[in-house]
Amino acid sequence: MYNKKNLLGACLSLALIALAAPVHAKVSPDEAGQLGQTLTPVGAEKAGNKDNTIPAWEPGAKRGPLSGEFPNNPKIDGEKPIYTITKANIEQYKDKLTKGHLKLLSSYDTYKMNVYPTHRVVAFPDEIYAATKENAVNCEMIGTDNPNNCKLGFPFPIPKTGAEPIWNHKLKWRGENATRYNNQMIVQPDGQFQLTKIVEDVTFGYASIKKPVPLTKEEGEFLKYLSKTVAPPRLAGTYILVHEKAGTGAGGRQAWLYTPALKRIRRAPTVCCDNPYEGTDGHQFYDQVDMFNGVLERYDWKLLGKREMVVPYNSNKIAGNKVKYKDLAKPKHLNPDIPRYELHRVWVVEANIRPGTSHTFKKRVFYIDEDSWNILAVDDYDNRDELYQFQEGHLVFAYNILAPSTIPEVIYHFNSGRYFITAAVNEDKPYDLSVSFSSDYFTSSSVQKSSTK
C-alpha cells in the first residue's frame, strides 16, 4: 500500500516528468486562417515594411531542370549594391546586424558587407502549403524534440516557442532525394587552405510529397543521409550513415561510421552534438551541419520575436560556378566582394544551456528567415559568455523544385583567426535532384559492400 510519503513522492515524480516534456498547444483555427491571407502559406508576413526597404512577398515560379543547373536569377544577379557596411559606418547599421557580423566588421578593416535590394522570391509547392495549414491546427510539440501529429509541411508556421522555428528549419521541404558535392576548406589566417571533397546522398521521408512519413510521439524518421569522403587521400573512403529521427538518445538519431583503417562499419553514437564532424579537424561540430541539426534537449529555447536584419540572401554568385575557391577564401574572412546581403525579417531564437547538461556553446542565438525557415546565422557563445564562433549560411532559392537552401555555409573561429567553409559546390556539379535510391541503399550492410568494391 501507498502511505502519504510514497504518494507524495509519486506525485512529485509525475510533476517533474510533465515539466520536463511540456506539450505546446496547436494554434486556433482563426490563427491558422491567416495563412494565405495576411500571412504567406508558410507563416511569413505577406506585406513589406513601413519604409518599403522590405517589399511584399512575390513568390518565384517553378522553372529549370532537376540537375545540371547552378542557382540563378538573371534579374537579381545583375544588380549593384545599394550601400556598403564597413568598420567606418558600423554605428549606422548596428541594430540590424548579428553580433557575429559586428565582430567581423570591428575586427578587420578589410571586411565589408555589400547590401543589395531585397527580393522575397522564396516559394514552395502547393502540397507543402496545404500540409502546413493542416499542421497549424494539428501538430504539437512535446518537450523540445518530439513533434507530434505532423505531416509533410512546416510543422509550426505560427510559432509560439523557441523550439518550433528550429523544427521548421529541420523539417523543411528540399525535394524528394538529392546528391550533392560538399566541398570543405579550413582557411588559415594567411588564406591558405586544403580542400576536402565529400559526396552526399539524402532521401527525405517527412518532407516527401510522394511518400510522406508522419511524425508522431511514438515514431517518425524524417531523412536518411550517406556521405563518402573522396579527397584528400588521408580521409578518402570514409563513410557516415545517418537515420535522422525525432526524439533523443536511442530513440532519436542513429548513425554509423566506416573508416578505411578499420575496414568495417560500426555504430557511431558520437555523431551528435558538439563532437567534431569527421575530417574537419574540430572546425565543425555535428550539430552545426546545415547550420543546426542536432537534438534540442541540452538547451532552454526562447522565442525573442522578429527583427529586420541584414543577412546573406539570394546568394547566387557565391554559390555559382564562376567563383573559384582561391578567389573566395581570403585571409581572416571570405572575399567581401562576393557575398550578397539583403534586409529581411528574421525570427530570433535564443538557446541557453540547461543546468545539468553540457555543450561547448553555453548560448546560441539563431536568426531564421521568415520566408524560408532557413537558419541564416548563429552567434555561438562560450562558457565565459564571449562570442566564440559565428555561423553564416548564404541563402539561394532552387527554382527547379521550389526550395531554398544555404550554399555555402561558413563558421568563423574568432580565437584562432581561422574559418571553415562547407557545402560549397562551385568547382563541381550542382545539386542533382533527379536521383532515386533503392530501398536498401541507406543501410549499414549496403555501405559495407560499397566500401569494399
Protein backbone atom coordinates (compact mmCIF):
# COMPACT_ATOMS: atom_id res chain seq x y z
CA MET A 1 0.00 0.00 0.00
CA TYR A 2 0.99 3.60 -0.60
CA ASN A 3 1.49 5.71 2.50
CA LYS A 4 1.26 9.51 2.32
CA LYS A 5 5.02 9.86 1.85
CA ASN A 6 5.08 7.42 -1.08
CA LEU A 7 2.05 9.05 -2.64
CA LEU A 8 3.65 12.47 -2.35
CA GLY A 9 6.85 11.15 -3.95
CA ALA A 10 4.93 9.60 -6.83
CA CYS A 11 3.04 12.82 -7.48
CA LEU A 12 6.26 14.80 -7.41
CA SER A 13 7.88 12.44 -9.91
CA LEU A 14 4.94 12.78 -12.28
CA ALA A 15 5.06 16.55 -11.94
CA LEU A 16 8.76 16.59 -12.81
CA ILE A 17 8.13 14.43 -15.86
CA ALA A 18 5.39 16.79 -17.01
CA LEU A 19 7.69 19.77 -16.56
CA ALA A 20 10.47 18.04 -18.46
CA ALA A 21 8.28 17.41 -21.50
CA PRO A 22 5.55 20.05 -21.76
CA VAL A 23 3.09 19.82 -24.62
CA HIS A 24 2.71 23.08 -26.51
CA ALA A 25 -0.75 23.72 -27.88
CA LYS A 26 -1.68 23.99 -31.52
CA VAL A 27 -2.87 27.33 -32.88
CA SER A 28 -6.56 28.09 -33.17
CA PRO A 29 -8.48 27.77 -36.45
CA ASP A 30 -8.79 31.57 -36.50
CA GLU A 31 -5.00 31.98 -36.29
CA ALA A 32 -4.46 29.30 -38.94
CA GLY A 33 -6.90 31.20 -41.16
CA GLN A 34 -4.27 33.94 -41.55
CA LEU A 35 -2.14 31.56 -43.62
CA GLY A 36 -2.50 32.52 -47.26
CA GLN A 37 -4.22 35.78 -46.25
CA THR A 38 -2.18 38.30 -44.23
CA LEU A 39 0.49 35.64 -43.86
CA THR A 40 2.15 33.63 -46.62
CA PRO A 41 1.14 29.95 -46.72
CA VAL A 42 4.16 29.11 -44.53
CA GLY A 43 3.68 31.89 -41.97
CA ALA A 44 5.69 34.95 -43.07
CA GLU A 45 4.17 38.42 -43.24
CA LYS A 46 2.95 38.97 -46.80
CA ALA A 47 3.29 42.73 -46.66
CA GLY A 48 6.51 44.68 -46.81
CA ASN A 49 7.69 47.00 -44.07
CA LYS A 50 6.59 50.58 -43.48
CA ASP A 51 9.52 52.30 -45.20
CA ASN A 52 9.48 49.93 -48.21
CA THR A 53 13.01 48.66 -47.62
CA ILE A 54 11.49 45.17 -47.39
CA PRO A 55 8.97 44.53 -50.20
CA ALA A 56 5.85 42.42 -50.20
CA TRP A 57 6.23 38.72 -50.90
CA GLU A 58 6.48 37.92 -54.64
CA PRO A 59 6.98 34.14 -54.95
CA GLY A 60 9.09 32.82 -57.78
CA ALA A 61 7.67 30.46 -60.41
CA LYS A 62 8.96 26.94 -60.95
CA ARG A 63 11.46 26.56 -63.80
CA GLY A 64 14.59 24.69 -64.82
CA PRO A 65 15.84 21.07 -64.91
CA LEU A 66 16.33 18.95 -61.80
CA SER A 67 20.06 18.53 -62.44
CA GLY A 68 22.94 20.40 -64.01
CA GLU A 69 21.88 23.93 -63.08
CA PHE A 70 23.50 26.27 -60.57
CA PRO A 71 21.30 28.76 -58.68
CA ASN A 72 20.47 31.77 -60.84
CA ASN A 73 18.09 34.66 -61.38
CA PRO A 74 19.25 36.94 -64.21
CA LYS A 75 17.24 39.91 -62.90
CA ILE A 76 18.66 39.71 -59.40
CA ASP A 77 22.17 38.61 -60.33
CA GLY A 78 22.89 41.74 -62.38
CA GLU A 79 22.11 44.21 -59.60
CA LYS A 80 24.59 46.54 -57.91
CA PRO A 81 24.84 47.16 -54.14
CA ILE A 82 22.69 49.98 -52.76
CA TYR A 83 25.07 50.56 -49.83
CA THR A 84 28.10 49.01 -48.13
CA ILE A 85 28.57 48.47 -44.39
CA THR A 86 32.15 48.90 -43.17
CA LYS A 87 34.00 49.49 -39.92
CA ALA A 88 33.68 53.23 -40.57
CA ASN A 89 29.85 53.32 -40.66
CA ILE A 90 29.09 50.39 -38.37
CA GLU A 91 27.18 52.56 -35.87
CA GLN A 92 24.62 53.48 -38.53
CA TYR A 93 23.59 49.84 -39.04
CA LYS A 94 24.43 48.05 -35.78
CA ASP A 95 20.78 47.46 -34.81
CA LYS A 96 20.33 45.40 -37.98
CA LEU A 97 23.44 43.23 -37.64
CA THR A 98 24.17 39.97 -35.85
CA LYS A 99 26.82 40.00 -33.13
CA GLY A 100 28.96 37.91 -35.47
CA HIS A 101 28.82 40.47 -38.26
CA LEU A 102 29.54 43.26 -35.79
CA LYS A 103 32.64 41.41 -34.57
CA LEU A 104 33.90 40.80 -38.13
CA LEU A 105 33.39 44.45 -39.04
CA SER A 106 35.05 45.77 -35.89
CA SER A 107 37.95 43.30 -36.04
CA TYR A 108 39.04 43.59 -39.66
CA ASP A 109 39.48 46.76 -41.74
CA THR A 110 39.28 44.52 -44.83
CA TYR A 111 35.78 43.21 -44.03
CA LYS A 112 32.66 44.79 -45.50
CA MET A 113 29.07 43.85 -46.34
CA ASN A 114 27.63 44.80 -49.73
CA VAL A 115 23.88 45.23 -49.32
CA TYR A 116 21.59 44.80 -52.33
CA PRO A 117 17.88 45.41 -52.99
CA THR A 118 15.68 42.96 -51.09
CA HIS A 119 13.80 40.28 -53.03
CA ARG A 120 11.33 37.88 -51.38
CA VAL A 121 11.09 35.17 -54.04
CA VAL A 122 11.03 32.03 -51.86
CA ALA A 123 8.12 29.73 -52.68
CA PHE A 124 7.16 26.11 -52.05
CA PRO A 125 4.98 23.53 -53.83
CA ASP A 126 1.22 23.69 -53.27
CA GLU A 127 1.34 20.37 -51.41
CA ILE A 128 3.63 21.94 -48.80
CA TYR A 129 1.26 24.89 -48.41
CA ALA A 130 -1.77 22.64 -47.88
CA ALA A 131 0.05 20.39 -45.41
CA THR A 132 1.40 23.40 -43.49
CA LYS A 133 -2.12 24.71 -42.94
CA GLU A 134 -3.19 21.30 -41.62
CA ASN A 135 -0.17 21.18 -39.32
CA ALA A 136 -1.01 24.56 -37.84
CA VAL A 137 -4.11 23.13 -36.12
CA ASN A 138 -2.93 19.52 -35.68
CA CYS A 139 0.80 19.50 -34.94
CA GLU A 140 2.05 19.94 -31.38
CA MET A 141 5.44 19.96 -29.71
CA ILE A 142 6.14 17.57 -26.84
CA GLY A 143 9.14 18.90 -24.94
CA THR A 144 11.80 20.09 -27.37
CA ASP A 145 12.46 17.01 -29.51
CA ASN A 146 9.13 15.34 -30.29
CA PRO A 147 6.86 16.99 -32.87
CA ASN A 148 3.58 15.07 -32.73
CA ASN A 149 0.84 14.62 -35.31
CA CYS A 150 2.76 16.45 -38.07
CA LYS A 151 2.85 15.59 -41.77
CA LEU A 152 4.80 16.88 -44.79
CA GLY A 153 4.55 20.65 -44.35
CA PHE A 154 6.19 23.06 -41.94
CA PRO A 155 5.01 21.89 -38.51
CA PHE A 156 4.75 25.30 -36.79
CA PRO A 157 4.03 28.13 -39.27
CA ILE A 158 2.85 30.38 -36.41
CA PRO A 159 5.46 29.61 -33.74
CA LYS A 160 4.81 30.09 -30.04
CA THR A 161 8.01 28.66 -28.54
CA GLY A 162 11.71 28.82 -29.34
CA ALA A 163 12.00 25.18 -30.35
CA GLU A 164 9.32 25.45 -33.04
CA PRO A 165 11.21 27.61 -35.60
CA ILE A 166 14.19 25.26 -35.23
CA TRP A 167 11.99 22.31 -36.14
CA ASN A 168 10.62 24.24 -39.12
CA HIS A 169 14.22 24.52 -40.29
CA LYS A 170 14.96 20.84 -39.70
CA LEU A 171 11.82 19.58 -41.47
CA LYS A 172 11.79 21.94 -44.47
CA TRP A 173 11.00 20.75 -47.99
CA ARG A 174 14.18 20.11 -50.02
CA GLY A 175 12.93 17.80 -52.75
CA GLU A 176 12.45 14.04 -52.70
CA ASN A 177 16.11 12.99 -52.98
CA ALA A 178 19.42 14.73 -53.59
CA THR A 179 23.06 14.11 -54.42
CA ARG A 180 25.49 16.93 -53.84
CA TYR A 181 29.17 17.68 -53.59
CA ASN A 182 30.10 19.15 -50.22
CA ASN A 183 33.47 20.83 -50.60
CA GLN A 184 35.07 21.97 -47.37
CA MET A 185 38.01 24.24 -46.55
CA ILE A 186 39.76 25.12 -43.31
CA VAL A 187 41.10 28.56 -44.22
CA GLN A 188 44.23 29.57 -42.33
CA PRO A 189 44.84 33.16 -41.20
CA ASP A 190 47.06 33.72 -44.26
CA GLY A 191 44.31 32.50 -46.62
CA GLN A 192 45.85 29.09 -47.40
CA PHE A 193 43.53 26.07 -47.39
CA GLN A 194 43.27 22.41 -48.27
CA LEU A 195 40.14 21.11 -49.96
CA THR A 196 38.14 18.19 -48.61
CA LYS A 197 35.68 16.67 -51.07
CA ILE A 198 32.59 14.82 -49.87
CA VAL A 199 29.72 13.38 -51.91
CA GLU A 200 26.41 13.24 -50.04
CA ASP A 201 23.20 11.36 -50.79
CA VAL A 202 19.98 12.20 -48.97
CA THR A 203 16.43 10.91 -49.11
CA PHE A 204 13.68 12.83 -47.36
CA GLY A 205 10.96 10.96 -45.51
CA TYR A 206 8.90 13.54 -43.67
CA ALA A 207 9.11 16.25 -46.35
CA SER A 208 8.39 13.90 -49.24
CA ILE A 209 5.41 14.78 -51.38
CA LYS A 210 5.33 11.30 -52.93
CA LYS A 211 5.52 9.25 -49.70
CA PRO A 212 5.41 11.50 -46.62
CA VAL A 213 6.36 9.89 -43.31
CA PRO A 214 4.30 11.48 -40.50
CA LEU A 215 5.91 12.35 -37.19
CA THR A 216 4.17 11.20 -34.03
CA LYS A 217 5.33 10.97 -30.44
CA GLU A 218 5.96 7.26 -30.99
CA GLU A 219 7.77 7.25 -34.34
CA GLY A 220 8.88 9.12 -37.42
CA GLU A 221 12.09 9.12 -39.46
CA PHE A 222 12.47 12.34 -41.38
CA LEU A 223 15.59 11.74 -43.51
CA LYS A 224 18.39 9.33 -44.34
CA TYR A 225 21.87 10.55 -45.19
CA LEU A 226 25.04 8.95 -46.54
CA SER A 227 28.34 10.74 -47.11
CA LYS A 228 31.52 9.49 -48.73
CA THR A 229 34.80 11.40 -48.46
CA VAL A 230 36.71 11.25 -51.76
CA ALA A 231 39.65 13.62 -51.02
CA PRO A 232 42.24 14.21 -49.62
CA PRO A 233 43.80 10.71 -49.67
CA ARG A 234 44.18 10.50 -45.88
CA LEU A 235 40.39 10.80 -45.47
CA ALA A 236 39.22 9.14 -48.69
CA GLY A 237 36.92 6.18 -48.24
CA THR A 238 35.30 7.38 -45.00
CA TYR A 239 31.51 6.90 -44.89
CA ILE A 240 28.96 8.36 -42.49
CA LEU A 241 25.43 6.95 -42.49
CA VAL A 242 22.64 8.66 -40.55
CA HIS A 243 18.98 7.84 -39.98
CA GLU A 244 17.53 11.07 -38.64
CA LYS A 245 14.58 10.73 -36.28
CA ALA A 246 12.70 12.92 -33.87
CA GLY A 247 13.44 12.24 -30.22
CA THR A 248 16.67 11.86 -28.26
CA GLY A 249 19.14 9.14 -27.35
CA ALA A 250 18.50 5.67 -28.74
CA GLY A 251 15.03 6.76 -29.87
CA GLY A 252 16.41 9.59 -31.99
CA ARG A 253 19.33 9.76 -34.42
CA GLN A 254 21.01 6.53 -35.42
CA ALA A 255 24.44 6.76 -37.04
CA TRP A 256 27.19 4.53 -38.40
CA LEU A 257 30.80 5.25 -39.36
CA TYR A 258 33.08 3.38 -41.79
CA THR A 259 36.80 4.14 -41.87
CA PRO A 260 39.30 2.51 -44.23
CA ALA A 261 41.62 1.77 -41.30
CA LEU A 262 39.04 -0.46 -39.59
CA LYS A 263 37.50 -1.76 -42.84
CA ARG A 264 34.14 -2.24 -41.18
CA ILE A 265 31.11 -0.14 -40.42
CA ARG A 266 30.19 0.41 -36.79
CA ARG A 267 27.59 2.27 -34.78
CA ALA A 268 28.64 5.83 -34.00
CA PRO A 269 26.75 7.35 -31.06
CA THR A 270 29.25 10.25 -31.12
CA VAL A 271 27.67 11.59 -34.34
CA CYS A 272 25.93 14.11 -32.14
CA CYS A 273 26.05 17.48 -30.57
CA ASP A 274 29.47 19.10 -30.02
CA ASN A 275 31.55 16.15 -31.16
CA PRO A 276 33.73 17.24 -34.12
CA TYR A 277 32.49 16.19 -37.55
CA GLU A 278 34.76 13.55 -39.05
CA GLY A 279 37.59 15.07 -41.09
CA THR A 280 37.04 18.72 -40.10
CA ASP A 281 39.88 18.85 -37.53
CA GLY A 282 37.45 20.17 -34.95
CA HIS A 283 36.25 23.13 -37.04
CA GLN A 284 32.64 21.91 -37.29
CA PHE A 285 30.53 20.08 -34.73
CA TYR A 286 27.98 17.53 -35.86
CA ASP A 287 25.12 19.74 -34.73
CA GLN A 288 26.42 22.63 -36.88
CA VAL A 289 25.81 20.77 -40.13
CA ASP A 290 23.06 22.54 -42.12
CA MET A 291 23.52 25.42 -39.63
CA PHE A 292 21.86 23.30 -36.90
CA ASN A 293 20.64 19.72 -36.99
CA GLY A 294 21.15 18.32 -33.52
CA VAL A 295 18.94 17.41 -30.61
CA LEU A 296 17.46 20.35 -28.72
CA GLU A 297 17.31 18.77 -25.25
CA ARG A 298 20.51 20.35 -23.90
CA TYR A 299 19.11 23.89 -24.14
CA ASP A 300 16.24 26.05 -22.98
CA TRP A 301 14.77 27.73 -26.07
CA LYS A 302 13.36 31.25 -26.04
CA LEU A 303 11.50 32.91 -28.92
CA LEU A 304 12.66 36.54 -28.88
CA GLY A 305 10.45 37.69 -31.74
CA LYS A 306 11.09 39.08 -35.19
CA ARG A 307 13.65 41.66 -36.32
CA GLU A 308 14.68 43.39 -39.54
CA MET A 309 18.28 42.37 -40.19
CA VAL A 310 20.93 42.38 -42.90
CA VAL A 311 21.53 38.73 -43.80
CA PRO A 312 23.06 36.73 -46.68
CA TYR A 313 20.32 36.26 -49.30
CA ASN A 314 19.81 35.44 -52.99
CA SER A 315 23.46 34.40 -52.94
CA ASN A 316 23.68 33.01 -56.47
CA LYS A 317 27.10 34.48 -57.17
CA ILE A 318 28.87 32.93 -54.19
CA ALA A 319 27.16 29.57 -54.89
CA GLY A 320 27.77 29.60 -58.66
CA ASN A 321 30.43 28.04 -60.86
CA LYS A 322 32.02 31.37 -61.87
CA VAL A 323 33.67 31.78 -58.45
CA LYS A 324 36.81 29.75 -57.77
CA TYR A 325 37.74 28.67 -54.26
CA LYS A 326 41.03 30.59 -54.41
CA ASP A 327 39.03 33.75 -55.10
CA LEU A 328 36.57 33.03 -52.28
CA ALA A 329 38.98 32.10 -49.46
CA LYS A 330 40.93 35.14 -48.26
CA PRO A 331 42.85 35.83 -45.02
CA LYS A 332 40.62 36.13 -41.92
CA HIS A 333 37.30 36.12 -43.84
CA LEU A 334 35.58 35.47 -47.16
CA ASN A 335 36.39 37.74 -50.08
CA PRO A 336 33.91 40.53 -49.22
CA ASP A 337 33.23 41.39 -52.88
CA ILE A 338 31.46 38.06 -53.48
CA PRO A 339 28.67 37.62 -50.84
CA ARG A 340 25.31 39.32 -51.29
CA TYR A 341 23.39 40.74 -48.30
CA GLU A 342 19.80 41.96 -48.12
CA LEU A 343 17.48 43.36 -45.46
CA HIS A 344 14.93 40.74 -44.34
CA ARG A 345 12.71 39.92 -41.38
CA VAL A 346 14.05 37.07 -39.30
CA TRP A 347 12.87 35.20 -36.24
CA VAL A 348 15.38 35.41 -33.39
CA VAL A 349 15.70 32.40 -31.08
CA GLU A 350 17.99 32.20 -28.06
CA ALA A 351 19.16 28.85 -26.68
CA ASN A 352 20.76 28.70 -23.21
CA ILE A 353 22.39 25.60 -21.80
CA ARG A 354 20.22 23.72 -19.31
CA PRO A 355 21.53 23.06 -15.80
CA GLY A 356 22.98 19.57 -15.59
CA THR A 357 23.82 19.36 -19.31
CA SER A 358 26.92 20.38 -21.23
CA HIS A 359 27.95 21.76 -24.61
CA THR A 360 30.89 23.80 -25.90
CA PHE A 361 28.41 26.60 -26.55
CA LYS A 362 26.78 27.98 -23.42
CA LYS A 363 24.45 30.14 -25.50
CA ARG A 364 23.43 30.26 -29.15
CA VAL A 365 21.39 32.91 -30.91
CA PHE A 366 19.71 31.83 -34.15
CA TYR A 367 18.48 34.12 -36.95
CA ILE A 368 15.83 32.34 -39.02
CA ASP A 369 14.41 33.69 -42.28
CA GLU A 370 10.64 34.28 -42.06
CA ASP A 371 10.04 33.31 -45.71
CA SER A 372 12.04 30.07 -45.88
CA TRP A 373 12.51 28.97 -42.24
CA ASN A 374 16.22 28.53 -43.04
CA ILE A 375 18.70 29.43 -40.32
CA LEU A 376 20.86 32.17 -41.87
CA ALA A 377 23.21 32.98 -38.98
CA VAL A 378 24.13 31.79 -35.48
CA ASP A 379 26.04 33.60 -32.73
CA ASP A 380 27.80 30.96 -30.59
CA TYR A 381 28.99 31.89 -27.07
CA ASP A 382 31.44 30.04 -24.83
CA ASN A 383 31.27 29.43 -21.07
CA ARG A 384 32.76 32.89 -20.41
CA ASP A 385 29.80 34.44 -22.26
CA GLU A 386 32.12 35.61 -25.05
CA LEU A 387 31.34 35.26 -28.75
CA TYR A 388 33.34 32.16 -29.68
CA GLN A 389 32.13 31.32 -33.18
CA PHE A 390 29.84 32.78 -35.82
CA GLN A 391 27.96 30.75 -38.42
CA GLU A 392 26.72 32.25 -41.67
CA GLY A 393 24.56 30.49 -44.29
CA HIS A 394 24.23 32.06 -47.76
CA LEU A 395 20.66 31.51 -48.93
CA VAL A 396 19.87 30.50 -52.50
CA PHE A 397 16.50 29.57 -53.99
CA ALA A 398 16.18 26.50 -56.22
CA TYR A 399 13.50 27.36 -58.77
CA ASN A 400 13.59 23.82 -60.15
CA ILE A 401 11.99 22.31 -57.02
CA LEU A 402 10.82 25.48 -55.24
CA ALA A 403 13.06 25.13 -52.21
CA PRO A 404 15.70 27.33 -50.54
CA SER A 405 18.99 26.19 -49.01
CA THR A 406 22.28 27.68 -47.80
CA ILE A 407 25.31 27.39 -50.12
CA PRO A 408 27.97 27.72 -48.79
CA GLU A 409 27.99 27.85 -45.00
CA VAL A 410 30.84 29.45 -43.06
CA ILE A 411 31.99 29.08 -39.45
CA TYR A 412 34.30 31.81 -38.13
CA HIS A 413 36.60 30.80 -35.24
CA PHE A 414 37.44 34.04 -33.51
CA ASN A 415 40.02 32.58 -31.11
CA SER A 416 42.29 31.29 -33.90
CA GLY A 417 41.69 33.57 -36.88
CA ARG A 418 40.73 30.56 -38.96
CA TYR A 419 37.38 29.92 -40.60
CA PHE A 420 35.67 26.89 -42.10
CA ILE A 421 33.78 26.78 -45.40
CA THR A 422 31.38 23.90 -46.03
CA ALA A 423 28.63 22.95 -48.51
CA ALA A 424 30.46 24.63 -51.39
CA VAL A 425 29.82 23.24 -54.89
CA ASN A 426 31.43 25.87 -57.13
CA GLU A 427 34.10 23.75 -58.80
CA ASP A 428 31.99 20.59 -59.02
CA LYS A 429 28.48 19.78 -60.15
CA PRO A 430 25.38 21.49 -58.75
CA TYR A 431 22.82 19.52 -56.74
CA ASP A 432 21.27 16.59 -58.60
CA LEU A 433 17.62 16.46 -57.54
CA SER A 434 16.61 13.88 -60.13
CA VAL A 435 18.20 10.92 -58.34
CA SER A 436 16.41 7.99 -56.73
CA PHE A 437 17.72 5.31 -54.38
CA SER A 438 16.90 1.65 -53.80
CA SER A 439 15.09 0.68 -50.62
CA ASP A 440 18.26 -0.81 -49.09
CA TYR A 441 20.67 1.94 -50.13
CA PHE A 442 20.80 3.68 -46.74
CA THR A 443 21.65 0.56 -44.71
CA SER A 444 24.86 -0.39 -42.92
CA SER A 445 25.18 -3.61 -44.93
CA SER A 446 24.93 -1.70 -48.19
CA VAL A 447 27.62 0.73 -47.07
CA GLN A 448 29.88 -2.16 -46.04
CA LYS A 449 29.51 -3.70 -49.51
CA SER A 450 30.12 -0.38 -51.27
CA SER A 451 33.23 0.34 -49.24
CA THR A 452 34.93 -2.89 -50.26
CA LYS A 453 34.34 -2.56 -54.01
